[in-house]
Amino acid sequence: MPRMKRDAKTVYNWLERRLQIEGPVKDAALHKVPRSTASWWYVFGSAAFTLLLLQVVTGILLALVYSPTAANAWNSLNVLNHQIPLGWFIRALHGWGSNFMVAIVFIHMCQVFLFGAYKFPRELTWIVGVFLLLMTLGMAFTGQVLRFDQDAYWGLGIGVFMMSRVPLIGGALVHFLLGGPNISGATLSRFFTLHVFVIPGLLLSFAMVHVWMVLKLGINEWPMPGRLVRRETYIAIYNRLSHEDGIPFVPGAFWKDLIFSGAIVAAVAVCAMVFGPYGPGGMPNPSIIQTTPKPDFPFLWIFAILAYLPPALETPVILVAPILAIAGLLALPFVAGEGEKSWHRRPIAVLTVSFIAVAWGVFTHLGTYTPWSPHMNAWSSDAIPARYTHSATPLVREGAVVFQAKQCRNCHEIEGVGGQRGPALDDVATRMTPDEMRYKVVTGGGNMPAFGKNLSPAEVEALVAFLETLHPANERPAYDGALRETSTHNGSPPPVTGSK
């Protein structure tokens, strides 16, 4: 045993002489922090970093088996679930670790906000923390896409559809993210790159910068009522507080971080063992549109808000609300960088956090059962009214069958029966020409997805023929102005196609 110690000491000295890391590590471990910060309120940052390391380790293990191709992604996850020893457990650790990490980072941000730790001189620390939160959410979203099941496919479709509404560059953004005009193998490859390389690299880099600034600027002291932050005096007051009533970070404050981080990892492991991994569900099938995709837990609140919004407000909210929220978070330390830190004298801060927490909880709860559309209670059993097919041509009847089989009534009403995501179709033929209907069905737009890849040309023509019959008996359907001009010159009115 003494010889082993001597050999270990020799190796250590050899490495230390070349790396010289003992000094910086000691400085980081033994730097003094105010005694009041050795509190259970200050453990969330360390727990978030621990969960990040857990995600990196489990992600590397999963990447050894996962195949980021459209043909093999779904199968490789099932291999992990059922054929690789403990593969299901690693997947479950990774999935539940993601949920816990989002929650811990969010709680940490709220605690920093309530404690006024974003104020001078920690403005940049707060800004880096905002980007860490955004990248954590990005990791969660890209991870759901990699499951490449039915929920992931349609969830991504909804996500990129929201992105397409960005003025001027929306189409280019969607094309860049998907690797083309459609969700395909190129899409999966890009999301794999984002999830495995780009976002984790940024997360680790920003996390290191965040830790470095915490070490250099010190851990925020316990906020005391009446102890105001002033740029001219704060640093001197903090240094005096750390010197007179400070303790070494290790072991003074570190042991609580260690216990809490261990408890969080244990909770992740218990959830993984009890509830197992997320999916994958059914294989992605673009032709199955009667689906109600739900995002993972961190995004359920967004899902519920969008489901309850009136269609006219969706685009403004999607485009404006995130920009305002992020801008507000980034501007906060510059707008309120001085003054009171204690939440006892900052009632607006307490009300803000309380409102966000309650709203998040309510919408997340609603998101567990809120459908894709607020009113999607129409299924194939809701028959098309007989008068639309009683004396129809074979082509129109075939179009009615397509209309039913592709669940168009999930989003559109006919005679008051059907979904309300899109407009009612009782008079669609008076509002759109056949060419406009054909273009809308194939390319989508607004709240409507594109069905050009899901319908054959014959099905599109049959569907349009049926839609042409949907107009009040006393109104003529819409027609092309050029057709009208030609017909008028020939001495006859334009034809009424598909009339009842």
Protein backbone atom coordinates (compact mmCIF):
# COMPACT_ATOMS: atom_id res chain seq x y z
CA MET A 1 0.00 0.00 0.00
CA PRO A 2 2.73 2.59 0.77
CA ARG A 3 4.34 1.76 -2.56
CA MET A 4 1.04 2.31 -4.39
CA LYS A 5 0.69 5.69 -2.69
CA ARG A 6 4.22 6.62 -3.71
CA ASP A 7 3.55 5.56 -7.30
CA ALA A 8 0.29 7.52 -7.36
CA LYS A 9 2.05 10.56 -5.92
CA THR A 10 4.75 10.26 -8.56
CA VAL A 11 2.19 10.12 -11.36
CA TYR A 12 0.27 13.03 -9.82
CA ASN A 13 3.40 15.16 -9.53
CA TRP A 14 4.34 14.35 -13.13
CA LEU A 15 0.93 15.45 -14.39
CA GLU A 16 0.77 18.50 -12.13
CA ARG A 17 4.18 19.72 -13.25
CA ARG A 18 2.88 19.77 -16.82
CA LEU A 19 -0.79 20.73 -16.42
CA GLN A 20 -0.54 22.98 -13.34
CA ILE A 21 -4.22 22.72 -12.48
CA GLU A 22 -3.90 22.29 -8.71
CA GLY A 23 -3.75 26.02 -8.09
CA PRO A 24 -6.88 26.98 -10.07
CA VAL A 25 -8.85 24.05 -8.64
CA LYS A 26 -7.91 25.01 -5.07
CA ASP A 27 -8.77 28.63 -5.73
CA ALA A 28 -12.19 27.61 -7.06
CA ALA A 29 -12.89 25.18 -4.24
CA LEU A 30 -11.67 27.33 -1.38
CA HIS A 31 -12.84 30.76 -2.54
CA LYS A 32 -14.86 32.45 0.16
CA VAL A 33 -18.57 33.02 -0.18
CA PRO A 34 -20.91 34.85 2.23
CA ARG A 35 -22.06 32.47 4.94
CA SER A 36 -25.67 33.27 4.11
CA THR A 37 -25.28 31.74 0.65
CA ALA A 38 -24.62 28.29 2.15
CA SER A 39 -28.38 27.77 1.84
CA TRP A 40 -30.69 25.27 0.21
CA TRP A 41 -31.93 28.15 -1.99
CA TYR A 42 -28.57 28.20 -3.79
CA VAL A 43 -28.40 24.58 -4.95
CA PHE A 44 -30.33 24.76 -8.24
CA GLY A 45 -27.42 25.92 -10.40
CA SER A 46 -25.24 22.99 -9.38
CA ALA A 47 -28.14 20.58 -9.91
CA ALA A 48 -28.70 21.93 -13.43
CA PHE A 49 -25.02 21.44 -14.27
CA THR A 50 -25.15 17.89 -12.87
CA LEU A 51 -28.16 17.09 -15.06
CA LEU A 52 -26.32 18.51 -18.07
CA LEU A 53 -23.46 16.08 -17.42
CA LEU A 54 -25.99 13.25 -17.07
CA GLN A 55 -27.50 14.20 -20.45
CA VAL A 56 -24.07 14.21 -22.07
CA VAL A 57 -23.13 10.77 -20.71
CA THR A 58 -26.46 9.09 -21.53
CA GLY A 59 -26.57 10.84 -24.91
CA ILE A 60 -23.17 9.43 -25.86
CA LEU A 61 -24.33 5.93 -24.92
CA LEU A 62 -27.50 6.28 -26.98
CA ALA A 63 -25.60 7.66 -29.98
CA LEU A 64 -23.62 4.40 -30.14
CA VAL A 65 -26.79 2.58 -31.22
CA TYR A 66 -29.12 5.25 -32.62
CA SER A 67 -29.22 5.52 -36.42
CA PRO A 68 -30.22 9.04 -37.60
CA THR A 69 -31.88 7.95 -40.84
CA ALA A 70 -35.54 7.98 -41.80
CA ALA A 71 -35.43 4.23 -42.49
CA ASN A 72 -33.70 3.13 -39.28
CA ALA A 73 -34.32 5.74 -36.54
CA TRP A 74 -37.59 4.22 -35.33
CA ASN A 75 -36.21 0.68 -35.43
CA SER A 76 -33.00 1.62 -33.59
CA LEU A 77 -35.02 3.00 -30.69
CA ASN A 78 -36.99 -0.23 -30.47
CA VAL A 79 -33.71 -2.14 -30.47
CA LEU A 80 -32.61 -0.02 -27.52
CA ASN A 81 -35.91 -0.63 -25.77
CA HIS A 82 -36.09 -4.40 -26.25
CA GLN A 83 -32.78 -5.91 -27.32
CA ILE A 84 -29.90 -3.95 -25.76
CA PRO A 85 -29.41 -4.77 -22.04
CA LEU A 86 -30.53 -1.75 -20.02
CA GLY A 87 -31.01 0.18 -23.24
CA TRP A 88 -34.52 1.12 -22.14
CA PHE A 89 -33.14 2.44 -18.86
CA ILE A 90 -30.54 4.63 -20.57
CA ARG A 91 -33.26 6.03 -22.82
CA ALA A 92 -35.48 6.64 -19.83
CA LEU A 93 -32.65 8.37 -17.93
CA HIS A 94 -32.05 10.61 -20.93
CA GLY A 95 -35.72 11.46 -21.41
CA TRP A 96 -36.56 12.11 -17.77
CA GLY A 97 -33.25 13.90 -17.27
CA SER A 98 -34.32 16.33 -19.99
CA ASN A 99 -37.61 17.10 -18.22
CA PHE A 100 -35.88 17.54 -14.87
CA MET A 101 -33.22 19.77 -16.41
CA VAL A 102 -35.81 22.10 -17.96
CA ALA A 103 -37.62 22.31 -14.63
CA ILE A 104 -34.47 22.93 -12.57
CA VAL A 105 -33.16 25.60 -14.97
CA PHE A 106 -36.53 27.34 -14.89
CA ILE A 107 -36.65 27.22 -11.07
CA HIS A 108 -33.09 28.52 -10.93
CA MET A 109 -34.02 31.46 -13.16
CA CYS A 110 -36.99 32.28 -10.93
CA GLN A 111 -34.80 32.10 -7.80
CA VAL A 112 -32.19 34.39 -9.36
CA PHE A 113 -34.94 36.83 -10.34
CA LEU A 114 -36.52 36.84 -6.88
CA PHE A 115 -33.12 37.27 -5.18
CA GLY A 116 -32.14 40.13 -7.47
CA ALA A 117 -28.99 38.27 -8.55
CA TYR A 118 -29.28 39.76 -12.04
CA LYS A 119 -28.34 43.22 -10.73
CA PHE A 120 -24.92 44.84 -10.93
CA PRO A 121 -22.31 43.42 -11.46
CA ARG A 122 -23.95 40.16 -12.59
CA GLU A 123 -25.78 41.43 -15.68
CA LEU A 124 -23.80 39.25 -18.08
CA THR A 125 -24.23 36.23 -15.81
CA TRP A 126 -28.01 36.65 -16.13
CA ILE A 127 -27.83 37.09 -19.91
CA VAL A 128 -25.79 33.91 -20.30
CA GLY A 129 -28.36 32.18 -18.08
CA VAL A 130 -31.18 33.27 -20.42
CA PHE A 131 -29.34 31.70 -23.37
CA LEU A 132 -28.76 28.55 -21.32
CA LEU A 133 -32.52 28.31 -20.72
CA LEU A 134 -33.26 28.74 -24.43
CA MET A 135 -30.68 26.11 -25.40
CA THR A 136 -32.07 23.72 -22.78
CA LEU A 137 -35.50 24.08 -24.41
CA GLY A 138 -33.85 23.57 -27.80
CA MET A 139 -32.31 20.33 -26.57
CA ALA A 140 -35.69 19.11 -25.36
CA PHE A 141 -37.42 19.92 -28.66
CA THR A 142 -34.78 18.41 -30.93
CA GLY A 143 -34.69 15.30 -28.74
CA GLN A 144 -38.42 14.74 -29.28
CA VAL A 145 -37.93 14.96 -33.06
CA LEU A 146 -35.28 12.22 -32.96
CA ARG A 147 -37.86 9.71 -31.75
CA PHE A 148 -39.29 10.04 -35.27
CA ASP A 149 -42.63 8.49 -34.39
CA GLN A 150 -46.06 9.77 -35.35
CA ASP A 151 -46.11 12.42 -32.62
CA ALA A 152 -42.61 13.59 -33.49
CA TYR A 153 -43.42 13.80 -37.20
CA TRP A 154 -46.58 15.85 -36.82
CA GLY A 155 -45.20 17.84 -33.89
CA LEU A 156 -42.28 18.90 -36.08
CA GLY A 157 -44.74 19.74 -38.84
CA ILE A 158 -46.59 22.08 -36.49
CA GLY A 159 -43.32 23.59 -35.28
CA VAL A 160 -41.98 24.39 -38.74
CA PHE A 161 -45.40 25.65 -39.79
CA MET A 162 -45.18 28.17 -36.97
CA MET A 163 -41.69 29.12 -38.16
CA SER A 164 -42.97 29.59 -41.71
CA ARG A 165 -44.99 32.58 -40.54
CA VAL A 166 -41.87 34.65 -39.96
CA PRO A 167 -42.08 37.47 -42.51
CA LEU A 168 -39.68 37.43 -45.48
CA ILE A 169 -37.40 34.65 -44.22
CA GLY A 170 -39.93 32.10 -42.96
CA GLY A 171 -39.75 29.90 -46.04
CA ALA A 172 -35.96 29.94 -46.09
CA LEU A 173 -35.83 29.05 -42.38
CA VAL A 174 -38.13 26.07 -42.89
CA HIS A 175 -36.16 24.87 -45.91
CA PHE A 176 -32.90 25.19 -43.98
CA LEU A 177 -34.23 23.35 -40.93
CA LEU A 178 -35.87 20.52 -42.87
CA GLY A 179 -33.14 20.18 -45.46
CA GLY A 180 -35.75 20.53 -48.18
CA PRO A 181 -39.45 21.23 -48.69
CA ASN A 182 -40.61 18.15 -46.73
CA ILE A 183 -39.82 16.21 -43.57
CA SER A 184 -37.37 13.52 -44.69
CA GLY A 185 -34.11 11.78 -43.88
CA ALA A 186 -32.26 15.07 -44.35
CA THR A 187 -34.46 16.58 -41.62
CA LEU A 188 -33.54 13.85 -39.17
CA SER A 189 -29.85 14.25 -39.97
CA ARG A 190 -29.99 17.97 -39.27
CA PHE A 191 -31.82 17.56 -35.99
CA PHE A 192 -29.37 14.86 -34.95
CA THR A 193 -26.52 17.28 -35.62
CA LEU A 194 -28.25 19.99 -33.62
CA HIS A 195 -29.11 17.70 -30.72
CA VAL A 196 -25.81 15.85 -30.45
CA PHE A 197 -23.19 18.39 -31.52
CA VAL A 198 -24.33 22.00 -31.89
CA ILE A 199 -26.60 22.61 -28.91
CA PRO A 200 -24.63 20.48 -26.38
CA GLY A 201 -21.42 22.23 -27.45
CA LEU A 202 -23.02 25.62 -26.93
CA LEU A 203 -24.55 24.49 -23.64
CA LEU A 204 -21.24 23.29 -22.23
CA SER A 205 -19.44 26.41 -23.43
CA PHE A 206 -21.99 28.80 -21.97
CA ALA A 207 -22.16 26.75 -18.77
CA MET A 208 -18.40 27.06 -18.33
CA VAL A 209 -18.59 30.81 -18.93
CA HIS A 210 -21.46 31.00 -16.44
CA VAL A 211 -19.47 29.13 -13.78
CA TRP A 212 -16.40 31.27 -14.47
CA MET A 213 -18.36 34.48 -13.90
CA VAL A 214 -19.88 33.08 -10.71
CA LEU A 215 -16.37 32.33 -9.43
CA LYS A 216 -15.02 35.74 -10.39
CA LEU A 217 -17.98 37.87 -9.32
CA GLY A 218 -18.94 35.76 -6.33
CA ILE A 219 -22.20 34.07 -5.37
CA ASN A 220 -25.00 36.52 -4.77
CA GLU A 221 -25.36 37.30 -1.08
CA TRP A 222 -28.62 36.68 0.77
CA PRO A 223 -30.90 39.63 -0.11
CA MET A 224 -31.55 41.72 2.97
CA PRO A 225 -34.33 44.35 3.03
CA GLY A 226 -32.82 47.82 2.84
CA ARG A 227 -29.41 46.67 1.52
CA LEU A 228 -29.48 48.50 -1.81
CA VAL A 229 -27.27 47.80 -4.80
CA ARG A 230 -25.28 50.82 -5.98
CA ARG A 231 -22.63 50.61 -8.65
CA GLU A 232 -20.27 52.86 -6.74
CA THR A 233 -20.25 50.83 -3.51
CA TYR A 234 -21.52 47.31 -4.13
CA ILE A 235 -18.24 45.53 -4.94
CA ALA A 236 -16.49 46.96 -1.86
CA ILE A 237 -19.41 46.00 0.38
CA TYR A 238 -19.55 42.47 -1.07
CA ASN A 239 -15.80 41.93 -0.64
CA ARG A 240 -15.99 43.09 2.96
CA LEU A 241 -18.97 40.81 3.62
CA SER A 242 -17.14 37.81 2.12
CA HIS A 243 -14.01 38.57 4.17
CA GLU A 244 -15.71 39.22 7.50
CA ASP A 245 -18.46 36.61 7.30
CA GLY A 246 -17.26 34.28 4.57
CA ILE A 247 -16.64 30.55 4.46
CA PRO A 248 -14.82 28.38 1.89
CA PHE A 249 -17.15 27.10 -0.81
CA VAL A 250 -15.79 23.59 -0.15
CA PRO A 251 -17.01 22.21 2.17
CA GLY A 252 -19.08 25.11 3.58
CA ALA A 253 -21.63 25.35 0.77
CA PHE A 254 -20.64 22.46 -1.49
CA TRP A 255 -22.09 19.70 0.67
CA LYS A 256 -25.63 20.99 0.18
CA ASP A 257 -25.08 21.21 -3.57
CA LEU A 258 -23.79 17.64 -3.53
CA ILE A 259 -26.75 16.28 -1.53
CA PHE A 260 -29.36 18.09 -3.64
CA SER A 261 -27.75 17.10 -6.95
CA GLY A 262 -27.57 13.49 -5.77
CA ALA A 263 -31.24 13.59 -4.79
CA ILE A 264 -32.22 14.97 -8.20
CA VAL A 265 -30.24 12.28 -10.05
CA ALA A 266 -31.87 9.65 -7.80
CA ALA A 267 -35.32 11.09 -8.63
CA VAL A 268 -34.50 10.88 -12.35
CA ALA A 269 -33.44 7.25 -11.90
CA VAL A 270 -36.64 6.40 -10.01
CA CYS A 271 -38.82 7.99 -12.71
CA ALA A 272 -36.83 6.13 -15.35
CA MET A 273 -37.36 2.80 -13.61
CA VAL A 274 -41.04 3.33 -12.81
CA PHE A 275 -42.29 5.10 -15.94
CA GLY A 276 -39.74 3.93 -18.51
CA PRO A 277 -38.64 5.74 -21.68
CA TYR A 278 -40.70 7.96 -23.93
CA GLY A 279 -41.96 5.99 -26.93
CA PRO A 280 -41.43 5.60 -29.68
CA GLY A 281 -45.09 5.45 -30.64
CA GLY A 282 -46.33 4.46 -34.04
CA MET A 283 -44.08 4.78 -37.07
CA PRO A 284 -44.33 8.16 -38.80
CA ASN A 285 -46.90 8.02 -41.57
CA PRO A 286 -47.67 11.26 -43.44
CA SER A 287 -50.86 9.76 -44.88
CA ILE A 288 -52.41 9.35 -41.42
CA ILE A 289 -53.64 12.85 -40.72
CA GLN A 290 -56.31 11.92 -38.15
CA THR A 291 -53.79 12.39 -35.38
CA THR A 292 -53.53 14.61 -32.33
CA PRO A 293 -49.80 15.06 -31.71
CA LYS A 294 -48.76 16.22 -28.27
CA PRO A 295 -45.36 17.68 -27.44
CA ASP A 296 -43.23 16.55 -24.53
CA PHE A 297 -43.93 17.87 -21.06
CA PRO A 298 -41.87 21.11 -21.26
CA PHE A 299 -43.93 22.32 -24.23
CA LEU A 300 -47.44 21.27 -23.21
CA TRP A 301 -48.25 24.81 -22.05
CA ILE A 302 -47.44 26.23 -25.50
CA PHE A 303 -49.56 23.50 -27.06
CA ALA A 304 -52.55 24.43 -24.88
CA ILE A 305 -52.23 28.18 -25.48
CA LEU A 306 -52.14 27.73 -29.25
CA ALA A 307 -55.10 25.33 -29.11
CA TYR A 308 -57.25 27.88 -27.27
CA LEU A 309 -56.19 30.93 -29.29
CA PRO A 310 -58.58 32.18 -31.96
CA PRO A 311 -57.04 31.45 -35.36
CA ALA A 312 -56.74 35.18 -36.11
CA LEU A 313 -54.45 35.68 -33.11
CA GLU A 314 -52.15 32.73 -33.70
CA THR A 315 -49.72 34.44 -36.04
CA PRO A 316 -49.31 37.64 -33.95
CA VAL A 317 -48.81 35.63 -30.77
CA ILE A 318 -46.37 33.18 -32.38
CA LEU A 319 -44.28 35.94 -33.94
CA VAL A 320 -44.45 38.68 -31.31
CA ALA A 321 -44.76 37.04 -27.88
CA PRO A 322 -41.45 35.08 -27.92
CA ILE A 323 -39.50 38.11 -29.15
CA LEU A 324 -40.97 40.34 -26.45
CA ALA A 325 -40.36 37.74 -23.74
CA ILE A 326 -36.72 37.17 -24.69
CA ALA A 327 -36.08 40.89 -25.15
CA GLY A 328 -37.59 41.58 -21.73
CA LEU A 329 -35.40 38.97 -20.05
CA LEU A 330 -32.25 40.31 -21.73
CA ALA A 331 -33.12 43.93 -20.91
CA LEU A 332 -34.00 43.26 -17.27
CA PRO A 333 -30.53 43.77 -15.70
CA PHE A 334 -30.09 47.04 -17.59
CA VAL A 335 -33.52 48.38 -16.67
CA ALA A 336 -33.40 47.30 -13.00
CA GLY A 337 -29.67 46.86 -12.37
CA GLU A 338 -29.62 48.75 -9.06
CA GLY A 339 -31.75 49.12 -5.97
CA GLU A 340 -33.52 46.65 -3.73
CA LYS A 341 -32.82 42.93 -3.97
CA SER A 342 -35.05 41.51 -1.27
CA TRP A 343 -38.33 40.03 -2.48
CA HIS A 344 -39.94 41.40 0.69
CA ARG A 345 -39.75 44.85 -0.86
CA ARG A 346 -40.31 43.83 -4.49
CA PRO A 347 -43.99 42.81 -4.62
CA ILE A 348 -44.12 43.13 -8.41
CA ALA A 349 -41.36 40.54 -8.74
CA VAL A 350 -43.21 38.14 -6.43
CA LEU A 351 -46.49 38.65 -8.29
CA THR A 352 -44.75 38.13 -11.64
CA VAL A 353 -43.21 34.81 -10.59
CA SER A 354 -46.48 33.69 -8.98
CA PHE A 355 -48.47 34.55 -12.10
CA ILE A 356 -46.01 32.76 -14.39
CA ALA A 357 -45.98 29.68 -12.15
CA VAL A 358 -49.78 29.48 -11.93
CA ALA A 359 -50.26 30.13 -15.65
CA TRP A 360 -47.63 27.56 -16.54
CA GLY A 361 -49.25 24.98 -14.26
CA VAL A 362 -52.75 25.61 -15.58
CA PHE A 363 -51.81 25.51 -19.26
CA THR A 364 -49.58 22.48 -18.77
CA HIS A 365 -52.50 20.69 -17.12
CA LEU A 366 -54.81 21.71 -19.96
CA GLY A 367 -52.20 20.54 -22.44
CA THR A 368 -52.47 16.99 -21.13
CA TYR A 369 -55.94 16.66 -22.67
CA THR A 370 -56.38 19.68 -24.95
CA PRO A 371 -56.81 18.46 -28.55
CA TRP A 372 -54.87 19.75 -31.49
CA SER A 373 -57.86 21.95 -32.28
CA PRO A 374 -60.26 23.32 -29.63
CA HIS A 375 -63.18 21.62 -31.41
CA MET A 376 -62.15 18.43 -33.21
CA ASN A 377 -65.06 16.14 -32.49
CA ALA A 378 -65.79 15.08 -36.08
CA TRP A 379 -64.72 11.63 -37.21
CA SER A 380 -65.50 9.36 -40.14
CA SER A 381 -68.70 8.26 -38.41
CA ASP A 382 -70.14 11.74 -38.98
CA ALA A 383 -71.66 11.16 -42.38
CA ILE A 384 -71.72 13.83 -45.06
CA PRO A 385 -75.28 15.14 -45.45
CA ALA A 386 -77.10 13.01 -48.03
CA ARG A 387 -78.14 15.97 -50.16
CA TYR A 388 -74.52 16.54 -51.16
CA THR A 389 -74.19 13.07 -52.71
CA HIS A 390 -77.78 12.06 -53.58
CA SER A 391 -77.68 13.13 -57.23
CA ALA A 392 -73.92 13.67 -57.53
CA THR A 393 -71.71 12.40 -60.29
CA PRO A 394 -69.38 9.45 -59.63
CA LEU A 395 -66.43 11.87 -59.44
CA VAL A 396 -68.16 14.01 -56.79
CA ARG A 397 -69.03 10.91 -54.76
CA GLU A 398 -65.43 9.76 -54.96
CA GLY A 399 -64.42 13.20 -53.68
CA ALA A 400 -66.82 12.82 -50.76
CA VAL A 401 -65.13 9.53 -49.90
CA VAL A 402 -61.71 11.23 -49.98
CA PHE A 403 -63.09 14.02 -47.79
CA GLN A 404 -64.20 11.46 -45.21
CA ALA A 405 -61.19 9.14 -45.42
CA LYS A 406 -58.66 11.93 -44.97
CA GLN A 407 -60.58 13.35 -41.99
CA CYS A 408 -61.05 16.80 -43.47
CA ARG A 409 -63.93 17.25 -41.02
CA ASN A 410 -61.51 17.24 -38.12
CA CYS A 411 -60.85 20.86 -39.03
CA HIS A 412 -63.86 21.92 -41.16
CA GLU A 413 -67.58 22.01 -40.48
CA ILE A 414 -70.37 21.09 -42.86
CA GLU A 415 -73.85 22.11 -41.69
CA GLY A 416 -72.53 22.77 -38.18
CA VAL A 417 -70.88 19.36 -37.71
CA GLY A 418 -67.10 19.12 -37.66
CA GLY A 419 -64.01 20.82 -36.38
CA GLN A 420 -63.56 24.54 -36.10
CA ARG A 421 -59.84 24.85 -36.71
CA GLY A 422 -60.47 25.90 -40.27
CA PRO A 423 -63.41 27.73 -41.85
CA ALA A 424 -66.77 26.06 -42.45
CA LEU A 425 -67.08 24.69 -45.96
CA ASP A 426 -70.83 25.07 -46.59
CA ASP A 427 -70.15 27.92 -49.04
CA VAL A 428 -66.52 27.30 -49.96
CA ALA A 429 -67.41 27.10 -53.67
CA THR A 430 -68.63 30.72 -53.58
CA ARG A 431 -65.33 31.90 -52.09
CA MET A 432 -62.77 29.95 -54.09
CA THR A 433 -62.43 28.88 -57.69
CA PRO A 434 -61.55 25.26 -58.48
CA ASP A 435 -57.97 26.26 -59.20
CA GLU A 436 -57.74 28.06 -55.86
CA MET A 437 -59.15 25.01 -54.06
CA ARG A 438 -56.71 22.74 -55.86
CA TYR A 439 -53.77 24.98 -54.92
CA LYS A 440 -54.91 25.22 -51.29
CA VAL A 441 -55.27 21.45 -50.93
CA VAL A 442 -51.87 20.73 -52.45
CA THR A 443 -49.78 23.50 -50.87
CA GLY A 444 -51.68 24.36 -47.69
CA GLY A 445 -51.29 27.73 -46.02
CA GLY A 446 -52.70 29.62 -43.05
CA ASN A 447 -53.75 26.99 -40.52
CA MET A 448 -53.95 24.25 -43.14
CA PRO A 449 -51.15 21.73 -43.76
CA ALA A 450 -50.16 20.77 -47.29
CA PHE A 451 -51.63 17.51 -48.61
CA GLY A 452 -49.79 17.38 -51.92
CA LYS A 453 -47.72 14.43 -50.72
CA ASN A 454 -50.66 12.62 -49.13
CA LEU A 455 -53.15 12.69 -52.01
CA SER A 456 -52.76 11.35 -55.52
CA PRO A 457 -53.63 13.68 -58.43
CA ALA A 458 -56.84 11.71 -58.98
CA GLU A 459 -57.83 12.11 -55.32
CA VAL A 460 -57.13 15.85 -55.49
CA GLU A 461 -59.34 16.23 -58.57
CA ALA A 462 -62.14 14.21 -56.97
CA LEU A 463 -61.91 16.22 -53.76
CA VAL A 464 -62.05 19.53 -55.64
CA ALA A 465 -65.05 18.28 -57.62
CA PHE A 466 -66.84 17.57 -54.35
CA LEU A 467 -65.87 20.96 -52.87
CA GLU A 468 -67.31 22.67 -55.94
CA THR A 469 -70.74 21.41 -54.89
CA LEU A 470 -70.56 23.16 -51.53
CA HIS A 471 -72.51 26.35 -52.10
CA PRO A 472 -76.03 27.54 -51.27
CA ALA A 473 -78.67 26.54 -53.80
CA ASN A 474 -79.40 30.14 -54.73
CA GLU A 475 -75.75 31.16 -55.28
CA ARG A 476 -73.50 30.41 -58.18
CA PRO A 477 -70.02 29.04 -57.42
CA ALA A 478 -66.95 31.19 -57.92
CA TYR A 479 -65.25 31.13 -61.30
CA ASP A 480 -62.19 32.50 -63.01
CA GLY A 481 -62.58 35.99 -64.49
CA ALA A 482 -60.75 34.92 -67.63
CA LEU A 483 -63.27 32.11 -68.11
CA ARG A 484 -66.12 34.58 -67.73
CA GLU A 485 -64.67 36.90 -70.34
CA THR A 486 -64.23 34.06 -72.81
CA SER A 487 -67.74 32.74 -72.19
CA THR A 488 -69.27 36.20 -72.58
CA HIS A 489 -67.55 36.65 -75.92
CA ASN A 490 -69.03 33.32 -77.00
CA GLY A 491 -72.48 34.53 -76.08
CA SER A 492 -73.04 32.17 -73.11
CA PRO A 493 -72.66 32.48 -69.32
CA PRO A 494 -69.90 30.62 -67.51
CA PRO A 495 -70.75 27.03 -66.64
CA VAL A 496 -71.89 26.03 -63.17
CA THR A 497 -69.67 23.08 -62.33
CA GLY A 498 -70.59 20.58 -59.68
CA SER A 499 -73.94 22.26 -58.84
CA LYS A 500 -76.46 20.36 -56.83
